[in-house]
Amino acid sequence: VAICHPLHYATVLTNEVIAGMGVAVTARSFITLFPLP
């Protein structure tokens, strides 16, 4: 986004979007691997 769409960077990657990414990454890891034990 920073290089290909620099004018939209601030509107695309808001704090809410970054927080959502963090939650999604964490949830994916724990949900996907929950069956392993």
PDB file of all heavy atoms in Angstrom:
ATOM      1  N   VAL A   1       0.837  -1.201   0.000  1.00  0.00           N
ATOM      2  CA  VAL A   1       0.000   0.000   0.000  1.00  0.00           C
ATOM      3  C   VAL A   1       0.873   1.252   0.000  1.00  0.00           C
ATOM      4  O   VAL A   1       0.596   2.223  -0.725  1.00  0.00           O
ATOM      5  CB  VAL A   1      -0.956   0.008   1.207  1.00  0.00           C
ATOM      6  CG1 VAL A   1      -1.754   1.316   1.260  1.00  0.00           C
ATOM      7  CG2 VAL A   1      -1.901  -1.177   1.150  1.00  0.00           C
ATOM      8  N   ALA A   2       1.965   1.256   0.781  1.00  0.00           N
ATOM      9  CA  ALA A   2       2.830   2.433   0.885  1.00  0.00           C
ATOM     10  C   ALA A   2       3.480   2.792  -0.444  1.00  0.00           C
ATOM     11  O   ALA A   2       3.652   3.979  -0.759  1.00  0.00           O
ATOM     12  CB  ALA A   2       3.906   2.199   1.942  1.00  0.00           C
ATOM     13  N   ILE A   3       3.822   1.792  -1.256  1.00  0.00           N
ATOM     14  CA  ILE A   3       4.547   2.045  -2.509  1.00  0.00           C
ATOM     15  C   ILE A   3       3.602   2.109  -3.709  1.00  0.00           C
ATOM     16  O   ILE A   3       3.757   2.970  -4.582  1.00  0.00           O
ATOM     17  CB  ILE A   3       5.621   0.956  -2.727  1.00  0.00           C
ATOM     18  CG1 ILE A   3       6.698   1.088  -1.641  1.00  0.00           C
ATOM     19  CG2 ILE A   3       6.249   1.059  -4.119  1.00  0.00           C
ATOM     20  CD1 ILE A   3       7.720  -0.015  -1.644  1.00  0.00           C
ATOM     21  N   CYS A   4       2.623   1.235  -3.754  1.00  0.00           N
ATOM     22  CA  CYS A   4       1.730   1.177  -4.921  1.00  0.00           C
ATOM     23  C   CYS A   4       0.550   2.148  -4.818  1.00  0.00           C
ATOM     24  O   CYS A   4       0.036   2.612  -5.842  1.00  0.00           O
ATOM     25  CB  CYS A   4       1.214  -0.251  -5.115  1.00  0.00           C
ATOM     26  SG  CYS A   4       2.515  -1.459  -5.415  1.00  0.00           S
ATOM     27  N   HIS A   5       0.119   2.461  -3.593  1.00  0.00           N
ATOM     28  CA  HIS A   5      -1.014   3.371  -3.402  1.00  0.00           C
ATOM     29  C   HIS A   5      -0.706   4.360  -2.273  1.00  0.00           C
ATOM     30  O   HIS A   5      -1.431   4.398  -1.258  1.00  0.00           O
ATOM     31  CB  HIS A   5      -2.287   2.586  -3.085  1.00  0.00           C
ATOM     32  CG  HIS A   5      -2.632   1.555  -4.116  1.00  0.00           C
ATOM     33  ND1 HIS A   5      -3.201   1.878  -5.335  1.00  0.00           N
ATOM     34  CD2 HIS A   5      -2.465   0.208  -4.104  1.00  0.00           C
ATOM     35  CE1 HIS A   5      -3.385   0.762  -6.041  1.00  0.00           C
ATOM     36  NE2 HIS A   5      -2.937  -0.256  -5.318  1.00  0.00           N
ATOM     37  N   PRO A   6       0.342   5.163  -2.422  1.00  0.00           N
ATOM     38  CA  PRO A   6       0.777   6.028  -1.311  1.00  0.00           C
ATOM     39  C   PRO A   6      -0.264   7.055  -0.881  1.00  0.00           C
ATOM     40  O   PRO A   6      -0.324   7.418   0.300  1.00  0.00           O
ATOM     41  CB  PRO A   6       2.030   6.706  -1.869  1.00  0.00           C
ATOM     42  CG  PRO A   6       1.906   6.595  -3.355  1.00  0.00           C
ATOM     43  CD  PRO A   6       1.195   5.320  -3.614  1.00  0.00           C
ATOM     44  N   LEU A   7      -1.095   7.523  -1.808  1.00  0.00           N
ATOM     45  CA  LEU A   7      -2.082   8.540  -1.469  1.00  0.00           C
ATOM     46  C   LEU A   7      -3.211   7.976  -0.594  1.00  0.00           C
ATOM     47  O   LEU A   7      -3.893   8.730   0.103  1.00  0.00           O
ATOM     48  CB  LEU A   7      -2.674   9.158  -2.740  1.00  0.00           C
ATOM     49  CG  LEU A   7      -1.679   9.896  -3.651  1.00  0.00           C
ATOM     50  CD1 LEU A   7      -2.375  10.445  -4.880  1.00  0.00           C
ATOM     51  CD2 LEU A   7      -0.983  11.022  -2.889  1.00  0.00           C
ATOM     52  N   HIS A   8      -3.394   6.657  -0.639  1.00  0.00           N
ATOM     53  CA  HIS A   8      -4.461   6.031   0.147  1.00  0.00           C
ATOM     54  C   HIS A   8      -3.932   5.356   1.409  1.00  0.00           C
ATOM     55  O   HIS A   8      -4.700   4.705   2.125  1.00  0.00           O
ATOM     56  CB  HIS A   8      -5.201   4.997  -0.708  1.00  0.00           C
ATOM     57  CG  HIS A   8      -5.852   5.565  -1.926  1.00  0.00           C
ATOM     58  ND1 HIS A   8      -5.297   5.483  -3.186  1.00  0.00           N
ATOM     59  CD2 HIS A   8      -7.012   6.261  -2.077  1.00  0.00           C
ATOM     60  CE1 HIS A   8      -6.085   6.075  -4.062  1.00  0.00           C
ATOM     61  NE2 HIS A   8      -7.130   6.566  -3.418  1.00  0.00           N
ATOM     62  N   TYR A   9      -2.641   5.497   1.674  1.00  0.00           N
ATOM     63  CA  TYR A   9      -2.023   4.770   2.777  1.00  0.00           C
ATOM     64  C   TYR A   9      -2.699   5.087   4.113  1.00  0.00           C
ATOM     65  O   TYR A   9      -3.046   4.187   4.876  1.00  0.00           O
ATOM     66  CB  TYR A   9      -0.532   5.117   2.843  1.00  0.00           C
ATOM     67  CG  TYR A   9       0.240   4.345   3.899  1.00  0.00           C
ATOM     68  CD1 TYR A   9       0.645   3.042   3.673  1.00  0.00           C
ATOM     69  CD2 TYR A   9       0.555   4.926   5.125  1.00  0.00           C
ATOM     70  CE1 TYR A   9       1.349   2.326   4.632  1.00  0.00           C
ATOM     71  CE2 TYR A   9       1.264   4.217   6.091  1.00  0.00           C
ATOM     72  CZ  TYR A   9       1.659   2.922   5.838  1.00  0.00           C
ATOM     73  OH  TYR A   9       2.348   2.225   6.801  1.00  0.00           O
ATOM     74  N   ALA A  10      -2.893   6.368   4.389  1.00  0.00           N
ATOM     75  CA  ALA A  10      -3.447   6.778   5.683  1.00  0.00           C
ATOM     76  C   ALA A  10      -4.904   6.342   5.852  1.00  0.00           C
ATOM     77  O   ALA A  10      -5.345   6.084   6.975  1.00  0.00           O
ATOM     78  CB  ALA A  10      -3.325   8.289   5.854  1.00  0.00           C
ATOM     79  N   THR A  11      -5.629   6.259   4.755  1.00  0.00           N
ATOM     80  CA  THR A  11      -7.036   5.884   4.853  1.00  0.00           C
ATOM     81  C   THR A  11      -7.238   4.372   4.841  1.00  0.00           C
ATOM     82  O   THR A  11      -8.219   3.870   5.397  1.00  0.00           O
ATOM     83  CB  THR A  11      -7.840   6.502   3.688  1.00  0.00           C
ATOM     84  OG1 THR A  11      -7.257   6.102   2.437  1.00  0.00           O
ATOM     85  CG2 THR A  11      -7.839   8.019   3.789  1.00  0.00           C
ATOM     86  N   VAL A  12      -6.316   3.641   4.209  1.00  0.00           N
ATOM     87  CA  VAL A  12      -6.431   2.178   4.152  1.00  0.00           C
ATOM     88  C   VAL A  12      -5.926   1.541   5.445  1.00  0.00           C
ATOM     89  O   VAL A  12      -6.608   0.717   6.057  1.00  0.00           O
ATOM     90  CB  VAL A  12      -5.663   1.611   2.939  1.00  0.00           C
ATOM     91  CG1 VAL A  12      -5.612   0.084   3.010  1.00  0.00           C
ATOM     92  CG2 VAL A  12      -6.310   2.054   1.639  1.00  0.00           C
ATOM     93  N   LEU A  13      -4.729   1.947   5.869  1.00  0.00           N
ATOM     94  CA  LEU A  13      -4.109   1.331   7.050  1.00  0.00           C
ATOM     95  C   LEU A  13      -4.320   2.215   8.279  1.00  0.00           C
ATOM     96  O   LEU A  13      -3.400   2.858   8.789  1.00  0.00           O
ATOM     97  CB  LEU A  13      -2.623   1.070   6.801  1.00  0.00           C
ATOM     98  CG  LEU A  13      -2.337  -0.060   5.807  1.00  0.00           C
ATOM     99  CD1 LEU A  13      -0.867  -0.120   5.454  1.00  0.00           C
ATOM    100  CD2 LEU A  13      -2.791  -1.399   6.357  1.00  0.00           C
ATOM    101  N   THR A  14      -5.550   2.231   8.750  1.00  0.00           N
ATOM    102  CA  THR A  14      -5.877   2.980   9.967  1.00  0.00           C
ATOM    103  C   THR A  14      -5.508   2.148  11.190  1.00  0.00           C
ATOM    104  O   THR A  14      -5.196   0.956  11.090  1.00  0.00           O
ATOM    105  CB  THR A  14      -7.374   3.303  10.002  1.00  0.00           C
ATOM    106  OG1 THR A  14      -8.111   2.068  10.015  1.00  0.00           O
ATOM    107  CG2 THR A  14      -7.794   4.114   8.773  1.00  0.00           C
ATOM    108  N   ASN A  15      -5.547   2.766  12.359  1.00  0.00           N
ATOM    109  CA  ASN A  15      -5.260   2.031  13.590  1.00  0.00           C
ATOM    110  C   ASN A  15      -6.223   0.871  13.792  1.00  0.00           C
ATOM    111  O   ASN A  15      -5.843  -0.197  14.290  1.00  0.00           O
ATOM    112  CB  ASN A  15      -5.329   2.974  14.792  1.00  0.00           C
ATOM    113  CG  ASN A  15      -4.162   3.952  14.817  1.00  0.00           C
ATOM    114  OD1 ASN A  15      -3.160   3.751  14.141  1.00  0.00           O
ATOM    115  ND2 ASN A  15      -4.301   5.010  15.600  1.00  0.00           N
ATOM    116  N   GLU A  16      -7.486   1.087  13.390  1.00  0.00           N
ATOM    117  CA  GLU A  16      -8.485   0.017  13.534  1.00  0.00           C
ATOM    118  C   GLU A  16      -8.149  -1.172  12.632  1.00  0.00           C
ATOM    119  O   GLU A  16      -8.305  -2.334  13.035  1.00  0.00           O
ATOM    120  CB  GLU A  16      -9.880   0.544  13.196  1.00  0.00           C
ATOM    121  CG  GLU A  16     -10.452   1.529  14.207  1.00  0.00           C
ATOM    122  CD  GLU A  16      -9.835   2.920  14.086  1.00  0.00           C
ATOM    123  OE1 GLU A  16      -9.171   3.182  13.052  1.00  0.00           O
ATOM    124  OE2 GLU A  16     -10.008   3.727  15.035  1.00  0.00           O
ATOM    125  N   VAL A  17      -7.694  -0.891  11.417  1.00  0.00           N
ATOM    126  CA  VAL A  17      -7.328  -1.965  10.486  1.00  0.00           C
ATOM    127  C   VAL A  17      -6.121  -2.737  11.016  1.00  0.00           C
ATOM    128  O   VAL A  17      -6.090  -3.975  10.965  1.00  0.00           O
ATOM    129  CB  VAL A  17      -7.029  -1.388   9.086  1.00  0.00           C
ATOM    130  CG1 VAL A  17      -6.403  -2.454   8.179  1.00  0.00           C
ATOM    131  CG2 VAL A  17      -8.304  -0.850   8.454  1.00  0.00           C
ATOM    132  N   ILE A  18      -5.124  -2.020  11.529  1.00  0.00           N
ATOM    133  CA  ILE A  18      -3.941  -2.679  12.090  1.00  0.00           C
ATOM    134  C   ILE A  18      -4.322  -3.560  13.274  1.00  0.00           C
ATOM    135  O   ILE A  18      -3.861  -4.709  13.403  1.00  0.00           O
ATOM    136  CB  ILE A  18      -2.888  -1.638  12.515  1.00  0.00           C
ATOM    137  CG1 ILE A  18      -2.398  -0.843  11.303  1.00  0.00           C
ATOM    138  CG2 ILE A  18      -1.715  -2.318  13.213  1.00  0.00           C
ATOM    139  CD1 ILE A  18      -1.722  -1.674  10.247  1.00  0.00           C
ATOM    140  N   ALA A  19      -5.180  -3.038  14.155  1.00  0.00           N
ATOM    141  CA  ALA A  19      -5.639  -3.832  15.303  1.00  0.00           C
ATOM    142  C   ALA A  19      -6.404  -5.065  14.819  1.00  0.00           C
ATOM    143  O   ALA A  19      -6.236  -6.169  15.370  1.00  0.00           O
ATOM    144  CB  ALA A  19      -6.521  -2.982  16.213  1.00  0.00           C
ATOM    145  N   GLY A  20      -7.233  -4.891  13.774  1.00  0.00           N
ATOM    146  CA  GLY A  20      -7.967  -6.028  13.212  1.00  0.00           C
ATOM    147  C   GLY A  20      -7.035  -7.082  12.641  1.00  0.00           C
ATOM    148  O   GLY A  20      -7.281  -8.288  12.789  1.00  0.00           O
ATOM    149  N   MET A  21      -5.958  -6.635  11.994  1.00  0.00           N
ATOM    150  CA  MET A  21      -4.964  -7.579  11.484  1.00  0.00           C
ATOM    151  C   MET A  21      -4.347  -8.396  12.615  1.00  0.00           C
ATOM    152  O   MET A  21      -4.183  -9.613  12.514  1.00  0.00           O
ATOM    153  CB  MET A  21      -3.852  -6.825  10.733  1.00  0.00           C
ATOM    154  CG  MET A  21      -4.240  -6.282   9.382  1.00  0.00           C
ATOM    155  SD  MET A  21      -2.825  -5.439   8.603  1.00  0.00           S
ATOM    156  CE  MET A  21      -3.503  -5.056   6.993  1.00  0.00           C
ATOM    157  N   GLY A  22      -4.001  -7.695  13.701  1.00  0.00           N
ATOM    158  CA  GLY A  22      -3.404  -8.390  14.839  1.00  0.00           C
ATOM    159  C   GLY A  22      -4.344  -9.421  15.426  1.00  0.00           C
ATOM    160  O   GLY A  22      -3.928 -10.556  15.740  1.00  0.00           O
ATOM    161  N   VAL A  23      -5.618  -9.058  15.580  1.00  0.00           N
ATOM    162  CA  VAL A  23      -6.608  -9.995  16.120  1.00  0.00           C
ATOM    163  C   VAL A  23      -6.792 -11.182  15.176  1.00  0.00           C
ATOM    164  O   VAL A  23      -6.860 -12.342  15.611  1.00  0.00           O
ATOM    165  CB  VAL A  23      -7.951  -9.278  16.360  1.00  0.00           C
ATOM    166  CG1 VAL A  23      -9.045 -10.288  16.712  1.00  0.00           C
ATOM    167  CG2 VAL A  23      -7.817  -8.237  17.464  1.00  0.00           C
ATOM    168  N   ALA A  24      -6.857 -10.904  13.863  1.00  0.00           N
ATOM    169  CA  ALA A  24      -7.061 -11.970  12.881  1.00  0.00           C
ATOM    170  C   ALA A  24      -5.891 -12.947  12.868  1.00  0.00           C
ATOM    171  O   ALA A  24      -6.088 -14.166  12.814  1.00  0.00           O
ATOM    172  CB  ALA A  24      -7.249 -11.362  11.493  1.00  0.00           C
ATOM    173  N   VAL A  25      -4.667 -12.420  12.915  1.00  0.00           N
ATOM    174  CA  VAL A  25      -3.476 -13.278  12.916  1.00  0.00           C
ATOM    175  C   VAL A  25      -3.459 -14.162  14.164  1.00  0.00           C
ATOM    176  O   VAL A  25      -3.188 -15.369  14.091  1.00  0.00           O
ATOM    177  CB  VAL A  25      -2.202 -12.413  12.841  1.00  0.00           C
ATOM    178  CG1 VAL A  25      -0.966 -13.228  13.202  1.00  0.00           C
ATOM    179  CG2 VAL A  25      -2.046 -11.824  11.438  1.00  0.00           C
ATOM    180  N   THR A  26      -3.774 -13.572  15.311  1.00  0.00           N
ATOM    181  CA  THR A  26      -3.781 -14.332  16.567  1.00  0.00           C
ATOM    182  C   THR A  26      -4.878 -15.391  16.563  1.00  0.00           C
ATOM    183  O   THR A  26      -4.644 -16.547  16.931  1.00  0.00           O
ATOM    184  CB  THR A  26      -3.972 -13.384  17.760  1.00  0.00           C
ATOM    185  OG1 THR A  26      -2.951 -12.382  17.746  1.00  0.00           O
ATOM    186  CG2 THR A  26      -3.916 -14.142  19.076  1.00  0.00           C
ATOM    187  N   ALA A  27      -6.074 -14.996  16.124  1.00  0.00           N
ATOM    188  CA  ALA A  27      -7.203 -15.935  16.106  1.00  0.00           C
ATOM    189  C   ALA A  27      -6.939 -17.086  15.147  1.00  0.00           C
ATOM    190  O   ALA A  27      -7.240 -18.252  15.465  1.00  0.00           O
ATOM    191  CB  ALA A  27      -8.478 -15.189  15.715  1.00  0.00           C
ATOM    192  N   ARG A  28      -6.368 -16.773  13.974  1.00  0.00           N
ATOM    193  CA  ARG A  28      -6.067 -17.832  13.006  1.00  0.00           C
ATOM    194  C   ARG A  28      -5.117 -18.866  13.605  1.00  0.00           C
ATOM    195  O   ARG A  28      -5.321 -20.075  13.460  1.00  0.00           O
ATOM    196  CB  ARG A  28      -5.452 -17.241  11.738  1.00  0.00           C
ATOM    197  CG  ARG A  28      -5.155 -18.276  10.676  1.00  0.00           C
ATOM    198  CD  ARG A  28      -4.372 -17.743   9.504  1.00  0.00           C
ATOM    199  NE  ARG A  28      -2.973 -17.470   9.829  1.00  0.00           N
ATOM    200  CZ  ARG A  28      -2.010 -17.310   8.914  1.00  0.00           C
ATOM    201  NH1 ARG A  28      -2.316 -17.392   7.627  1.00  0.00           N
ATOM    202  NH2 ARG A  28      -0.769 -17.057   9.286  1.00  0.00           N
ATOM    203  N   SER A  29      -4.095 -18.388  14.296  1.00  0.00           N
ATOM    204  CA  SER A  29      -3.096 -19.302  14.871  1.00  0.00           C
ATOM    205  C   SER A  29      -3.730 -20.216  15.909  1.00  0.00           C
ATOM    206  O   SER A  29      -3.553 -21.443  15.863  1.00  0.00           O
ATOM    207  CB  SER A  29      -1.955 -18.500  15.502  1.00  0.00           C
ATOM    208  OG  SER A  29      -1.304 -17.706  14.532  1.00  0.00           O
ATOM    209  N   PHE A  30      -4.457 -19.628  16.846  1.00  0.00           N
ATOM    210  CA  PHE A  30      -4.994 -20.428  17.946  1.00  0.00           C
ATOM    211  C   PHE A  30      -6.123 -21.347  17.482  1.00  0.00           C
ATOM    212  O   PHE A  30      -6.212 -22.491  17.943  1.00  0.00           O
ATOM    213  CB  PHE A  30      -5.462 -19.515  19.079  1.00  0.00           C
ATOM    214  CG  PHE A  30      -4.336 -19.021  19.941  1.00  0.00           C
ATOM    215  CD1 PHE A  30      -3.595 -17.906  19.575  1.00  0.00           C
ATOM    216  CD2 PHE A  30      -3.990 -19.684  21.100  1.00  0.00           C
ATOM    217  CE1 PHE A  30      -2.539 -17.463  20.354  1.00  0.00           C
ATOM    218  CE2 PHE A  30      -2.937 -19.247  21.895  1.00  0.00           C
ATOM    219  CZ  PHE A  30      -2.205 -18.138  21.521  1.00  0.00           C
ATOM    220  N   ILE A  31      -6.973 -20.879  16.567  1.00  0.00           N
ATOM    221  CA  ILE A  31      -8.078 -21.721  16.097  1.00  0.00           C
ATOM    222  C   ILE A  31      -7.551 -22.872  15.244  1.00  0.00           C
ATOM    223  O   ILE A  31      -7.966 -24.020  15.401  1.00  0.00           O
ATOM    224  CB  ILE A  31      -9.098 -20.867  15.307  1.00  0.00           C
ATOM    225  CG1 ILE A  31      -9.822 -19.894  16.245  1.00  0.00           C
ATOM    226  CG2 ILE A  31     -10.103 -21.764  14.594  1.00  0.00           C
ATOM    227  CD1 ILE A  31     -10.695 -18.883  15.537  1.00  0.00           C
ATOM    228  N   THR A  32      -6.613 -22.565  14.331  1.00  0.00           N
ATOM    229  CA  THR A  32      -6.083 -23.597  13.439  1.00  0.00           C
ATOM    230  C   THR A  32      -5.336 -24.683  14.195  1.00  0.00           C
ATOM    231  O   THR A  32      -5.433 -25.873  13.870  1.00  0.00           O
ATOM    232  CB  THR A  32      -5.143 -22.958  12.390  1.00  0.00           C
ATOM    233  OG1 THR A  32      -5.830 -21.927  11.688  1.00  0.00           O
ATOM    234  CG2 THR A  32      -4.649 -24.000  11.394  1.00  0.00           C
ATOM    235  N   LEU A  33      -4.597 -24.290  15.234  1.00  0.00           N
ATOM    236  CA  LEU A  33      -3.742 -25.242  15.939  1.00  0.00           C
ATOM    237  C   LEU A  33      -4.384 -25.825  17.197  1.00  0.00           C
ATOM    238  O   LEU A  33      -3.792 -26.690  17.848  1.00  0.00           O
ATOM    239  CB  LEU A  33      -2.415 -24.568  16.297  1.00  0.00           C
ATOM    240  CG  LEU A  33      -1.574 -24.181  15.070  1.00  0.00           C
ATOM    241  CD1 LEU A  33      -0.405 -23.307  15.465  1.00  0.00           C
ATOM    242  CD2 LEU A  33      -1.075 -25.425  14.342  1.00  0.00           C
ATOM    243  N   PHE A  34      -5.579 -25.374  17.523  1.00  0.00           N
ATOM    244  CA  PHE A  34      -6.261 -25.879  18.726  1.00  0.00           C
ATOM    245  C   PHE A  34      -6.422 -27.403  18.718  1.00  0.00           C
ATOM    246  O   PHE A  34      -6.298 -28.049  19.778  1.00  0.00           O
ATOM    247  CB  PHE A  34      -7.622 -25.197  18.881  1.00  0.00           C
ATOM    248  CG  PHE A  34      -8.361 -25.580  20.125  1.00  0.00           C
ATOM    249  CD1 PHE A  34      -7.982 -25.079  21.366  1.00  0.00           C
ATOM    250  CD2 PHE A  34      -9.440 -26.462  20.069  1.00  0.00           C
ATOM    251  CE1 PHE A  34      -8.655 -25.446  22.522  1.00  0.00           C
ATOM    252  CE2 PHE A  34     -10.118 -26.830  21.215  1.00  0.00           C
ATOM    253  CZ  PHE A  34      -9.725 -26.322  22.444  1.00  0.00           C
ATOM    254  N   PRO A  35      -6.681 -28.041  17.554  1.00  0.00           N
ATOM    255  CA  PRO A  35      -6.851 -29.506  17.573  1.00  0.00           C
ATOM    256  C   PRO A  35      -5.561 -30.284  17.840  1.00  0.00           C
ATOM    257  O   PRO A  35      -5.633 -31.460  18.212  1.00  0.00           O
ATOM    258  CB  PRO A  35      -7.367 -29.819  16.153  1.00  0.00           C
ATOM    259  CG  PRO A  35      -7.932 -28.529  15.650  1.00  0.00           C
ATOM    260  CD  PRO A  35      -7.079 -27.456  16.250  1.00  0.00           C
ATOM    261  N   LEU A  36      -4.381 -29.678  17.640  1.00  0.00           N
ATOM    262  CA  LEU A  36      -3.133 -30.443  17.725  1.00  0.00           C
ATOM    263  C   LEU A  36      -2.950 -31.193  19.043  1.00  0.00           C
ATOM    264  O   LEU A  36      -2.631 -32.389  19.034  1.00  0.00           O
ATOM    265  CB  LEU A  36      -1.926 -29.534  17.464  1.00  0.00           C
ATOM    266  CG  LEU A  36      -1.604 -29.190  16.009  1.00  0.00           C
ATOM    267  CD1 LEU A  36      -0.264 -28.475  15.928  1.00  0.00           C
ATOM    268  CD2 LEU A  36      -1.599 -30.422  15.120  1.00  0.00           C
ATOM    269  N   PRO A  37      -3.097 -30.537  20.208  1.00  0.00           N
ATOM    270  CA  PRO A  37      -2.907 -31.297  21.459  1.00  0.00           C
ATOM    271  C   PRO A  37      -3.858 -32.488  21.583  1.00  0.00           C
ATOM    272  O   PRO A  37      -3.469 -33.542  22.102  1.00  0.00           O
ATOM    273  CB  PRO A  37      -3.185 -30.249  22.546  1.00  0.00           C
ATOM    274  CG  PRO A  37      -2.921 -28.933  21.891  1.00  0.00           C
ATOM    275  CD  PRO A  37      -3.349 -29.108  20.475  1.00  0.00           C
TER     276      PRO A  37
END
